[in-house]
Protein backbone atom coordinates (compact mmCIF):
# COMPACT_ATOMS: atom_id res chain seq x y z
CA UNK A 1 0.00 0.00 0.00
CA UNK A 2 2.79 2.43 0.91
CA UNK A 3 4.52 1.72 -2.39
CA UNK A 4 1.42 2.72 -4.36
CA UNK A 5 1.20 6.13 -2.64
CA UNK A 6 4.73 7.17 -3.52
CA UNK A 7 4.11 7.70 -7.29
CA UNK A 8 0.96 9.69 -6.57
CA UNK A 9 2.75 12.05 -4.20
CA UNK A 10 5.60 12.48 -6.69
CA UNK A 11 3.12 13.37 -9.46
CA UNK A 12 1.35 15.94 -7.25
CA UNK A 13 4.69 17.52 -6.36
CA UNK A 14 5.73 17.89 -10.02
CA UNK A 15 2.44 19.48 -11.02
CA UNK A 16 2.59 21.97 -8.15
CA UNK A 17 6.14 22.98 -8.92
CA UNK A 18 5.31 23.47 -12.58
CA UNK A 19 2.80 26.28 -11.67
CA UNK A 20 5.35 28.22 -9.58
CA UNK A 21 6.78 30.03 -12.63
CA UNK A 22 3.41 31.32 -14.00
CA UNK A 23 2.55 35.08 -13.43
CA UNK A 24 -0.68 35.84 -11.68
CA UNK A 25 -2.91 38.51 -13.27
CA UNK A 26 -3.55 41.28 -10.68
CA UNK A 27 -7.14 42.32 -9.97
CA UNK A 28 -7.65 46.00 -11.08
CA UNK A 29 -9.36 48.32 -8.66
CA UNK A 30 -12.42 50.14 -10.17
CA UNK A 31 -11.74 53.87 -10.91
CA UNK A 32 -14.06 56.87 -11.78
CA UNK A 33 -13.19 59.75 -14.22
CA UNK A 34 -13.05 63.20 -12.61
CA UNK A 35 -15.69 65.58 -14.05
CA UNK A 36 -13.62 68.56 -15.18
CA UNK A 37 -14.92 72.13 -15.12
CA UNK A 38 -15.16 73.92 -18.48
CA UNK A 39 -12.36 76.35 -19.39
CA UNK A 40 -11.76 79.23 -21.82
CA UNK A 41 -15.32 80.51 -21.62
CA UNK A 42 -15.90 83.45 -23.93
CA UNK A 43 -18.68 85.45 -25.55
CA UNK A 44 -19.07 86.33 -29.18
CA UNK A 45 -21.74 87.99 -31.29
CA UNK A 46 -22.95 90.14 -28.42
CA UNK A 47 -26.21 91.67 -29.62
CA UNK A 48 -28.86 93.92 -28.13
CA UNK A 49 -30.82 91.03 -26.57
CA UNK A 50 -28.57 87.99 -26.92
CA UNK A 51 -25.04 86.62 -26.91
CA UNK A 52 -23.28 83.40 -27.91
CA UNK A 53 -21.14 81.56 -25.35
CA UNK A 54 -18.46 78.97 -26.08
CA UNK A 55 -16.01 77.02 -23.91
CA UNK A 56 -13.55 74.14 -23.87
CA UNK A 57 -13.91 70.88 -21.90
CA UNK A 58 -11.79 67.72 -21.57
CA UNK A 59 -14.57 65.38 -20.43
CA UNK A 60 -15.20 62.48 -22.80
CA UNK A 61 -18.94 62.95 -22.60
CA UNK A 62 -20.84 65.66 -20.82
CA UNK A 63 -23.73 68.02 -20.96
CA UNK A 64 -23.47 71.55 -19.65
CA UNK A 65 -25.44 73.70 -17.28
CA UNK A 66 -25.33 77.45 -17.96
CA UNK A 67 -26.63 79.79 -15.27
CA UNK A 68 -26.83 83.54 -15.88
CA UNK A 69 -28.26 86.64 -14.25
CA UNK A 70 -27.66 90.33 -13.65
CA UNK A 71 -24.08 91.14 -12.69
CA UNK A 72 -23.44 90.13 -9.08
CA UNK A 73 -26.31 87.63 -8.78
CA UNK A 74 -25.95 84.70 -6.34
CA UNK A 75 -25.46 81.27 -7.90
CA UNK A 76 -28.64 79.25 -7.66
CA UNK A 77 -30.86 82.32 -8.14
CA UNK A 78 -30.23 82.86 -11.85
CA UNK A 79 -31.73 81.45 -15.03
CA UNK A 80 -30.40 78.03 -16.07
CA UNK A 81 -30.27 76.46 -19.51
CA UNK A 82 -28.53 73.26 -20.68
CA UNK A 83 -26.53 72.41 -23.76
CA UNK A 84 -25.14 69.22 -25.28
CA UNK A 85 -22.49 71.23 -27.14
CA UNK A 86 -19.61 73.40 -25.99
CA UNK A 87 -21.50 76.50 -27.08
CA UNK A 88 -24.95 78.00 -26.72
CA UNK A 89 -26.86 81.20 -27.43
CA UNK A 90 -28.61 83.03 -24.61
CA UNK A 91 -31.55 85.13 -25.75
CA UNK A 92 -34.16 87.35 -24.11
CA UNK A 93 -31.62 89.64 -22.47
CA UNK A 94 -32.07 93.34 -21.77
CA UNK A 95 -30.17 95.83 -23.91
CA UNK A 96 -27.16 97.71 -22.54
CA UNK A 97 -27.10 95.52 -19.39
CA UNK A 98 -24.28 93.75 -17.54
CA UNK A 99 -24.61 90.01 -16.87
CA UNK A 100 -22.65 87.26 -15.10
CA UNK A 101 -22.64 83.66 -16.36
CA UNK A 102 -21.42 80.38 -14.85
CA UNK A 103 -20.89 77.11 -16.79
CA UNK A 104 -20.38 73.65 -15.31
CA UNK A 105 -20.13 70.15 -16.81
CA UNK A 106 -22.58 67.36 -15.97
CA UNK A 107 -20.84 63.99 -16.40
CA UNK A 108 -23.50 61.74 -14.87
CA UNK A 109 -26.65 61.57 -12.80
CA UNK A 110 -24.81 62.54 -9.62
CA UNK A 111 -21.57 63.73 -11.11
CA UNK A 112 -21.00 67.37 -12.06
CA UNK A 113 -18.04 69.71 -12.06
CA UNK A 114 -17.55 72.89 -10.15
CA UNK A 115 -18.69 75.98 -12.02
CA UNK A 116 -16.02 77.66 -14.07
CA UNK A 117 -14.90 81.11 -13.02
CA UNK A 118 -17.60 83.72 -13.60
CA UNK A 119 -17.69 85.42 -17.00
CA UNK A 120 -19.13 88.94 -17.20
CA UNK A 121 -20.40 90.64 -20.34
CA UNK A 122 -22.58 93.56 -21.36
CA UNK A 123 -25.23 93.47 -24.06
CA UNK A 124 -25.18 96.00 -26.87
CA UNK A 125 -27.16 99.22 -26.44
CA UNK A 126 -30.48 99.66 -28.25
CA UNK A 127 -30.33 101.10 -31.74
CA UNK A 128 -31.06 104.74 -32.42
CA UNK A 129 -34.71 105.40 -33.21
CA UNK A 130 -35.08 107.94 -36.01
CA UNK A 131 -38.46 109.27 -34.88
CA UNK A 132 -39.71 112.38 -33.10
CA UNK A 133 -40.65 110.77 -29.80
CA UNK A 134 -41.71 112.79 -26.71
CA UNK A 135 -38.38 112.57 -24.85
CA UNK A 136 -34.82 112.71 -26.13
CA UNK A 137 -33.94 109.60 -24.12
CA UNK A 138 -36.54 107.67 -26.16
CA UNK A 139 -34.34 108.03 -29.25
CA UNK A 140 -31.40 106.03 -27.76
CA UNK A 141 -29.07 108.63 -29.23
CA UNK A 142 -26.80 108.72 -26.18
CA UNK A 143 -25.48 105.96 -23.93
CA UNK A 144 -25.13 106.12 -20.17
CA UNK A 145 -26.36 109.23 -18.41
CA UNK A 146 -28.10 111.43 -20.96
CA UNK A 147 -26.27 114.58 -19.88
CA UNK A 148 -22.89 112.95 -20.49
CA UNK A 149 -23.68 113.41 -24.19
CA UNK A 150 -21.85 110.16 -24.96
CA UNK A 151 -22.95 109.18 -28.47
CA UNK A 152 -24.45 105.74 -29.00
CA UNK A 153 -22.08 103.24 -30.59
CA UNK A 154 -24.38 103.46 -33.62
CA UNK A 155 -23.68 107.19 -34.04
CA UNK A 156 -20.57 109.22 -34.77
CA UNK A 157 -19.48 112.71 -33.80
CA UNK A 158 -18.16 115.20 -36.33
CA UNK A 159 -16.67 118.70 -36.28
CA UNK A 160 -16.76 121.57 -38.74
CA UNK A 161 -13.76 123.54 -39.91
CA UNK A 162 -15.73 126.79 -39.77
CA UNK A 163 -18.81 126.50 -37.53
CA UNK A 164 -21.90 128.67 -37.23
CA UNK A 165 -21.76 131.37 -34.57
CA UNK A 166 -24.48 130.93 -31.92
CA UNK A 167 -23.90 133.42 -29.11
CA UNK A 168 -20.58 131.81 -28.13
CA UNK A 169 -22.28 128.53 -27.21
CA UNK A 170 -20.52 125.19 -27.60
CA UNK A 171 -22.00 122.46 -29.77
CA UNK A 172 -21.83 118.73 -30.19
CA UNK A 173 -22.69 117.37 -33.62
CA UNK A 174 -23.53 113.69 -34.25
CA UNK A 175 -25.01 111.56 -37.01
CA UNK A 176 -26.75 108.19 -36.72
CA UNK A 177 -27.12 106.18 -39.94
CA UNK A 178 -29.42 103.19 -40.43
CA UNK A 179 -27.64 99.86 -40.06
CA UNK A 180 -25.64 98.85 -43.13
CA UNK A 181 -25.85 102.22 -44.90
CA UNK A 182 -23.31 104.88 -45.86
CA UNK A 183 -23.23 108.55 -46.79
CA UNK A 184 -22.79 109.15 -50.53
CA UNK A 185 -20.40 111.97 -51.53
CA UNK A 186 -21.74 114.68 -53.81
CA UNK A 187 -18.73 116.74 -54.79
CA UNK A 188 -17.45 119.18 -52.17
CA UNK A 189 -20.92 120.18 -51.01
CA UNK A 190 -23.61 118.47 -48.99
CA UNK A 191 -23.43 114.67 -49.38
CA UNK A 192 -26.48 112.45 -49.79
CA UNK A 193 -27.63 110.85 -46.55
CA UNK A 194 -29.56 107.56 -46.56
CA UNK A 195 -33.21 107.33 -45.62
CA UNK A 196 -33.85 107.43 -41.84
CA UNK A 197 -30.65 109.31 -41.08
CA UNK A 198 -30.69 111.30 -37.83
CA UNK A 199 -28.51 114.40 -37.43
CA UNK A 200 -28.33 116.02 -33.98
CA UNK A 201 -26.75 119.24 -32.74
CA UNK A 202 -26.68 119.91 -29.00
CA UNK A 203 -26.07 123.45 -27.71
CA UNK A 204 -24.52 124.08 -24.30
CA UNK A 205 -22.35 126.44 -22.25
CA UNK A 206 -19.52 125.31 -20.04
CA UNK A 207 -19.95 126.55 -16.50
CA UNK A 208 -16.37 127.80 -16.76
CA UNK A 209 -14.54 127.69 -20.08
CA UNK A 210 -11.25 127.55 -18.18
CA UNK A 211 -12.17 124.24 -16.53
CA UNK A 212 -14.62 122.05 -18.45
CA UNK A 213 -14.57 119.45 -15.65
CA UNK A 214 -16.91 121.76 -13.72
CA UNK A 215 -19.72 120.73 -16.03
CA UNK A 216 -22.00 122.44 -18.49
CA UNK A 217 -25.51 123.78 -18.96
CA UNK A 218 -27.21 121.99 -21.84
CA UNK A 219 -29.97 123.99 -23.51
CA UNK A 220 -31.29 122.21 -26.58
CA UNK A 221 -30.72 119.34 -28.98
CA UNK A 222 -31.88 120.08 -32.52
CA UNK A 223 -32.75 117.08 -34.65
CA UNK A 224 -32.97 116.55 -38.40
CA UNK A 225 -34.61 113.34 -39.64
CA UNK A 226 -34.70 112.15 -43.23
CA UNK A 227 -38.08 110.59 -44.01
CA UNK A 228 -39.40 109.67 -47.45
CA UNK A 229 -36.56 111.60 -49.04
CA UNK A 230 -37.31 114.83 -47.11
CA UNK A 231 -35.80 116.34 -43.98
CA UNK A 232 -37.93 117.08 -40.91
CA UNK A 233 -36.86 119.31 -38.01
CA UNK A 234 -37.54 119.06 -34.29
CA UNK A 235 -36.09 120.52 -31.10
CA UNK A 236 -35.63 118.93 -27.67
CA UNK A 237 -35.42 121.35 -24.73
CA UNK A 238 -33.42 120.23 -21.67
CA UNK A 239 -34.89 120.45 -18.17
CA UNK A 240 -33.27 122.32 -15.29
CA UNK A 241 -32.05 119.06 -13.72
CA UNK A 242 -30.22 118.22 -16.96
CA UNK A 243 -31.70 114.71 -16.90
CA UNK A 244 -34.06 114.85 -19.89
CA UNK A 245 -35.03 116.91 -22.92
CA UNK A 246 -38.59 117.22 -24.21
CA UNK A 247 -39.75 117.76 -27.79
CA UNK A 248 -40.88 121.37 -28.05
CA UNK A 249 -40.93 123.38 -31.28
CA UNK A 250 -42.57 126.49 -29.84
CA UNK A 251 -39.36 128.45 -29.20
CA UNK A 252 -38.37 130.24 -26.00
CA UNK A 253 -35.65 132.22 -24.25
CA UNK A 254 -33.29 130.92 -21.57
CA UNK A 255 -31.06 133.14 -19.39
CA UNK A 256 -27.54 131.72 -19.16
CA UNK A 257 -24.57 132.76 -17.04
CA UNK A 258 -21.09 131.36 -17.60
CA UNK A 259 -17.42 132.25 -17.18
CA UNK A 260 -15.48 132.69 -20.40
CA UNK A 261 -11.89 131.73 -21.16
CA UNK A 262 -10.67 135.10 -19.87
CA UNK A 263 -12.32 134.58 -16.49
CA UNK A 264 -15.09 137.11 -17.13
CA UNK A 265 -18.71 136.37 -16.23
CA UNK A 266 -21.00 136.47 -19.25
CA UNK A 267 -24.79 136.67 -19.35
CA UNK A 268 -26.69 135.48 -22.39
CA UNK A 269 -30.41 135.62 -23.05
CA UNK A 270 -30.22 132.54 -25.25
CA UNK A 271 -33.00 132.25 -27.81
CA UNK A 272 -34.26 128.76 -28.67
CA UNK A 273 -35.71 128.86 -32.20
CA UNK A 274 -39.24 127.84 -33.04
CA UNK A 275 -40.05 125.42 -35.81
CA UNK A 276 -40.74 128.41 -38.06
CA UNK A 277 -37.33 129.90 -37.23
CA UNK A 278 -35.62 126.64 -38.18
CA UNK A 279 -37.37 126.67 -41.54
CA UNK A 280 -36.08 130.19 -42.24
CA UNK A 281 -32.53 128.84 -42.53
CA UNK A 282 -32.96 125.16 -43.33
CA UNK A 283 -35.56 125.44 -46.11
CA UNK A 284 -34.01 126.22 -49.47
CA UNK A 285 -36.20 126.22 -52.59
CA UNK A 286 -39.07 124.92 -50.41
CA UNK A 287 -37.06 121.88 -49.32
CA UNK A 288 -35.52 121.44 -45.86
CA UNK A 289 -31.89 120.34 -45.75
CA UNK A 290 -28.86 120.11 -43.44
CA UNK A 291 -26.48 123.07 -43.60
CA UNK A 292 -23.20 122.28 -41.85
CA UNK A 293 -21.76 118.89 -42.85
CA UNK A 294 -20.62 119.69 -46.37
CA UNK A 295 -17.60 117.61 -47.29
CA UNK A 296 -15.41 120.68 -47.71
CA UNK A 297 -16.30 121.74 -44.15
CA UNK A 298 -15.45 118.28 -42.81
CA UNK A 299 -12.13 117.81 -44.56
CA UNK A 300 -9.72 118.41 -41.67
CA UNK A 301 -7.80 116.29 -39.16
CA UNK A 302 -8.31 113.13 -41.24
CA UNK A 303 -12.04 113.31 -40.54
CA UNK A 304 -13.13 112.17 -44.02
CA UNK A 305 -10.57 109.35 -44.00
CA UNK A 306 -11.88 108.19 -40.64
CA UNK A 307 -15.47 108.23 -41.88
CA UNK A 308 -14.45 106.08 -44.84
CA UNK A 309 -12.43 103.70 -42.67
CA UNK A 310 -15.38 103.24 -40.31
CA UNK A 311 -17.79 102.56 -43.19
CA UNK A 312 -19.80 105.73 -42.64
CA UNK A 313 -18.83 107.34 -45.95
CA UNK A 314 -18.50 105.74 -49.36
CA UNK A 315 -15.02 105.67 -50.84
CA UNK A 316 -13.84 108.96 -52.27
CA UNK A 317 -10.55 110.57 -53.22
CA UNK A 318 -10.21 112.86 -50.22
CA UNK A 319 -7.52 114.89 -51.98
CA UNK A 320 -10.16 116.01 -54.47
CA UNK A 321 -12.09 117.81 -51.69
CA UNK A 322 -10.75 121.32 -51.11
CA UNK A 323 -11.14 122.13 -47.40
CA UNK A 324 -13.14 125.20 -46.45
CA UNK A 325 -10.76 127.77 -44.91
CA UNK A 326 -10.88 128.06 -41.13
CA UNK A 327 -12.31 131.50 -40.42
CA UNK A 328 -9.87 132.32 -37.60
CA UNK A 329 -6.75 130.74 -39.10
CA UNK A 330 -4.36 133.51 -40.13
CA UNK A 331 -2.52 131.21 -42.55
CA UNK A 332 -5.42 131.80 -44.95
CA UNK A 333 -5.99 135.12 -46.67
CA UNK A 334 -8.50 137.62 -45.34
CA UNK A 335 -10.71 137.00 -48.37
CA UNK A 336 -10.67 133.21 -47.89
CA UNK A 337 -11.49 133.48 -44.21
CA UNK A 338 -14.23 136.09 -44.62
CA UNK A 339 -15.86 134.23 -47.51
CA UNK A 340 -15.82 131.02 -45.48
CA UNK A 341 -17.37 132.83 -42.50
CA UNK A 342 -20.14 134.31 -44.63
CA UNK A 343 -20.75 130.96 -46.32
CA UNK A 344 -21.48 129.26 -42.99
CA UNK A 345 -23.27 132.14 -41.23
CA UNK A 346 -25.11 133.84 -44.09
CA UNK A 347 -25.30 131.76 -47.27
CA UNK A 348 -28.22 129.54 -46.22
CA UNK A 349 -30.47 132.60 -46.58
CA UNK A 350 -28.46 134.54 -49.16
CA UNK A 351 -28.66 131.91 -51.87
CA UNK A 352 -30.95 131.22 -54.80
CA UNK A 353 -34.02 129.70 -53.18
CA UNK A 354 -33.10 130.99 -49.72
CA UNK A 355 -35.34 133.07 -47.48
CA UNK A 356 -33.59 136.30 -48.59
CA UNK A 357 -33.74 135.51 -52.30
CA UNK A 358 -36.31 138.18 -53.13
CA UNK A 359 -35.23 140.98 -50.78
CA UNK A 360 -31.47 140.95 -51.25
CA UNK A 361 -29.13 140.65 -54.20
CA UNK A 362 -26.38 139.18 -52.00
CA UNK A 363 -25.39 135.60 -52.84
CA UNK A 364 -22.83 134.29 -50.36
CA UNK A 365 -21.97 130.59 -51.00
CA UNK A 366 -18.21 130.13 -50.86
CA UNK A 367 -18.00 128.47 -54.25
CA UNK A 368 -19.48 131.45 -56.14
CA UNK A 369 -17.24 133.76 -58.13
CA UNK A 370 -16.79 137.09 -56.34
CA UNK A 371 -18.55 139.04 -59.10
CA UNK A 372 -21.67 136.90 -58.58
CA UNK A 373 -21.84 137.51 -54.83
CA UNK A 374 -22.64 141.27 -55.12
CA UNK A 375 -20.58 141.84 -51.96
CA UNK A 376 -18.95 144.90 -53.51
CA UNK A 377 -22.39 146.41 -54.14
CA UNK A 378 -23.54 145.89 -50.56
CA UNK A 379 -20.49 146.83 -48.47
CA UNK A 380 -22.34 149.51 -46.50
CA UNK A 381 -25.36 147.29 -45.85
CA UNK A 382 -23.22 144.36 -44.68
CA UNK A 383 -21.29 146.61 -42.30
CA UNK A 384 -24.44 148.23 -40.86
CA UNK A 385 -26.15 144.94 -40.20
CA UNK A 386 -23.14 143.29 -38.56
CA UNK A 387 -21.63 145.97 -36.32
CA UNK A 388 -24.64 146.39 -33.99
CA UNK A 389 -27.28 144.02 -32.70
CA UNK A 390 -30.79 145.23 -33.46
CA UNK A 391 -33.59 142.63 -33.47
CA UNK A 392 -35.05 141.97 -36.93
CA UNK A 393 -32.33 144.10 -38.53
CA UNK A 394 -28.93 142.70 -37.64
CA UNK A 395 -27.51 139.81 -39.61
CA UNK A 396 -27.93 136.99 -39.15
CA UNK A 397 -31.49 137.63 -37.97
CA UNK A 398 -31.98 134.13 -36.50
CA UNK A 399 -29.85 132.04 -34.16
CA UNK A 400 -28.08 134.84 -32.31
CA UNK A 401 -28.88 137.70 -29.94
CA UNK A 402 -25.57 139.53 -30.07
CA UNK A 403 -22.79 140.66 -32.34
CA UNK A 404 -19.99 138.19 -32.96
CA UNK A 405 -17.17 140.62 -32.30
CA UNK A 406 -14.38 138.52 -33.84
CA UNK A 407 -16.51 137.61 -36.84
CA UNK A 408 -17.46 141.22 -37.50
CA UNK A 409 -13.85 142.36 -37.23
CA UNK A 410 -12.85 139.77 -39.83
CA UNK A 411 -15.59 140.78 -42.26
CA UNK A 412 -14.91 144.48 -41.66
CA UNK A 413 -11.23 143.98 -42.52
CA UNK A 414 -12.24 142.11 -45.66
CA UNK A 415 -14.68 144.82 -46.73
CA UNK A 416 -12.00 147.47 -46.18
CA UNK A 417 -9.71 145.56 -48.54
CA UNK A 418 -12.15 145.71 -51.46
C-alpha cells in the first residue's frame, strides 16, 4: 500500500512545482473619471438682446449647465439652460445691461463639475430710433447718463472747420445712420444721406470755459430726420435738472450765465428757435436740408478718411475735396477766411431759393465767383447789419442775440480791402 502512494505524491509535487513560474494577473481596482470644469469661456456675437457663449472641456462625454443673471447675482438664483455642445446662445436679455454667467459640466446623474470662473459681459445698447418721440432719451441717441452726451455706438461725432456762430455757445454734432448704410459723396458740397438718417446738434455752455470738468448747462438738442426723401426738423429742450429733454418746437428764451476763457462772467439771453425759425434757414427752394456737414467743411484732421475707414462714408478721393478755410486761421488770406465765414453764417439765406432771395441781391456761397456775390455792391449794408445788434435788422437775424465781435472784425477787414 505504501509503495502505491509514492508515485501519486511524486506526481502531485511535479504538477505543483510546474505552476510556480506562471505570473498571476492582478485584480484592477475600479476607478471613476473626474468631471472637469469647463475652461476658456468666452462670448461672441454680443447683440442687443442675446449673446453666444463657447467654452472648452476635456470630459469624454458631458452636458453643460449654464446659469446667468444680472451682474453680481448669487449662484442658484439665476436662469439656467442646458446644452449638449460646448457652445450656446442666450436670448431674451435686456439691452445695454451687464450680466454674469457660470458654466459647469454634468458627467452623470450625480456627477458634475464645479462651475467655471464667472464670465461677465454687457449686451449691446439699443439702436437709435429715427423718430420724433416725446423725450430725447426715447431716441437712444446717447449711452449712459443722458447729460454725459456720450454718443451711442451706432452714431458718430463730427466737427466743422468753420462753424456757425451761436452766441458763443458750444456744440456737439452727431449723425446716426441706419444699419448697413453709408453717406454718398456729392462733390465738395452736402453729401447724400440715406433714408432714416438722424442728425443732432446739441447746444450748451460750459460753467467755466477755463475748466470744463466743472460741467455744463445743456440747452437744446436740434434734430434733423430724413423721411421719405425729405428732412424734418424738431427741437428737444433740456430740463433744469439736466436729466431729460422734451420735444418742443414752440421756441423760448433761456437766461444763461457762464465764465469765459478770460475769467469774465457772461450773461446770455439765449434764444431757442421755433419750428418756423428753423425753416427760415434750413428750407431752401421749399425743401428742408442740413447746412453744416458739407464735405469741404469736414475735410480736416483726417475726418473724411476716418469716416471712410469706419464705413460711414463711401469711398472717395479725399484729396479732391478742397477744405473750407478756417475762419480764424491767419494762414489763410482775409478773403478766404471772410468768404468762409459768410458761407457758414449767411449763405443759407443769401442763396438762390433761400429766405432772402427776393429781398437781397447778395449771394454768399463760398463756391461762387466774387462778381456773382454782389458783396462789392452791398459793403455799407453788410457793415451796418453786422456791427450792432438790433432785433429783426442785424444779420444773421436768427440764431443769435448779439454781435460776434471777432466775426465782425474779420468781415470788416475784408470789406476794407475791397
